[in-house]
Amino acid sequence: MKIEEIEYTGHIYVTINNDIEIRLLGREVPNSLRGQIHLVPEKDQWIELPRSLTEEEKDKRTLNWIEESLIKVEKM
């Protein structure tokens, strides 16, 4: 995903029941998050999404999650 010309990478895992996607930021995150994501509360370090959502909706929620994570890091 790109936010303001900065590319974010990550990993997507699927639960064994194939009903939930878990999305995490990759290790190669921009300087604004590098070395700081562990400071974000644990419950906010990933996002869980129902697999029943459209890809567009999952991407929209992922984008919002990344933006919220950036705000939390900036406030620290």
Protein backbone atom coordinates (compact mmCIF):
# COMPACT_ATOMS: atom_id res chain seq x y z
CA MET A 1 0.00 0.00 0.00
CA LYS A 2 1.09 3.55 -0.62
CA ILE A 3 0.35 6.44 1.70
CA GLU A 4 1.65 9.84 0.63
CA GLU A 5 4.15 8.21 -1.77
CA ILE A 6 5.53 5.93 0.97
CA GLU A 7 5.16 2.21 0.32
CA TYR A 8 4.19 -0.08 3.17
CA THR A 9 4.65 -3.82 2.97
CA GLY A 10 3.32 -6.52 5.19
CA HIS A 11 2.22 -10.07 5.68
CA ILE A 12 -1.21 -11.65 5.51
CA TYR A 13 -2.04 -14.77 7.47
CA VAL A 14 -5.29 -16.71 7.40
CA THR A 15 -6.73 -18.57 10.37
CA ILE A 16 -7.00 -22.34 10.16
CA ASN A 17 -10.78 -21.97 9.85
CA ASN A 18 -10.21 -19.73 6.81
CA ASP A 19 -12.55 -17.07 8.22
CA ILE A 20 -10.16 -14.34 9.43
CA GLU A 21 -7.23 -12.57 7.76
CA ILE A 22 -4.53 -11.19 10.03
CA ARG A 23 -2.49 -8.38 8.48
CA LEU A 24 0.84 -7.25 9.91
CA LEU A 25 3.29 -4.60 8.78
CA GLY A 26 6.50 -5.96 7.29
CA ARG A 27 9.94 -5.41 8.76
CA GLU A 28 10.84 -2.95 6.02
CA VAL A 29 8.60 -0.13 7.13
CA PRO A 30 9.36 3.57 6.63
CA ASN A 31 11.54 5.47 9.08
CA SER A 32 8.43 6.91 10.73
CA LEU A 33 7.60 3.43 12.10
CA ARG A 34 10.92 1.58 12.01
CA GLY A 35 11.96 0.56 15.49
CA GLN A 36 8.81 2.05 16.99
CA ILE A 37 5.94 -0.27 16.06
CA HIS A 38 6.60 -2.27 19.24
CA LEU A 39 5.67 0.87 21.22
CA VAL A 40 2.15 0.77 19.80
CA PRO A 41 -0.17 -1.21 22.09
CA GLU A 42 0.00 -4.91 21.23
CA LYS A 43 -3.66 -5.08 20.20
CA ASP A 44 -2.97 -2.39 17.56
CA GLN A 45 0.12 -4.02 15.99
CA TRP A 46 -2.02 -6.01 13.57
CA ILE A 47 -5.51 -5.98 12.15
CA GLU A 48 -7.95 -8.87 11.90
CA LEU A 49 -10.42 -8.81 9.04
CA PRO A 50 -13.25 -11.17 8.13
CA ARG A 51 -12.47 -13.02 4.90
CA SER A 52 -16.05 -12.33 3.79
CA LEU A 53 -15.18 -8.66 3.16
CA THR A 54 -14.35 -7.57 -0.37
CA GLU A 55 -10.67 -6.94 -1.15
CA GLU A 56 -11.52 -3.26 -1.53
CA GLU A 57 -13.03 -3.10 1.97
CA LYS A 58 -10.09 -5.05 3.47
CA ASP A 59 -7.65 -2.64 1.82
CA LYS A 60 -9.64 0.37 3.05
CA ARG A 61 -9.60 -0.91 6.63
CA THR A 62 -5.90 -1.76 6.36
CA LEU A 63 -5.15 1.75 5.13
CA ASN A 64 -7.06 3.25 8.07
CA TRP A 65 -5.21 0.94 10.48
CA ILE A 66 -1.80 1.99 9.13
CA GLU A 67 -2.74 5.67 9.36
CA GLU A 68 -3.95 5.22 12.95
CA SER A 69 -0.71 3.40 13.82
CA LEU A 70 1.32 6.29 12.39
CA ILE A 71 -0.65 8.76 14.52
CA LYS A 72 -0.01 6.69 17.66
CA VAL A 73 3.71 6.51 16.93
CA GLU A 74 3.89 10.27 16.27
CA LYS A 75 2.28 10.96 19.67
CA MET A 76 4.89 8.91 21.53
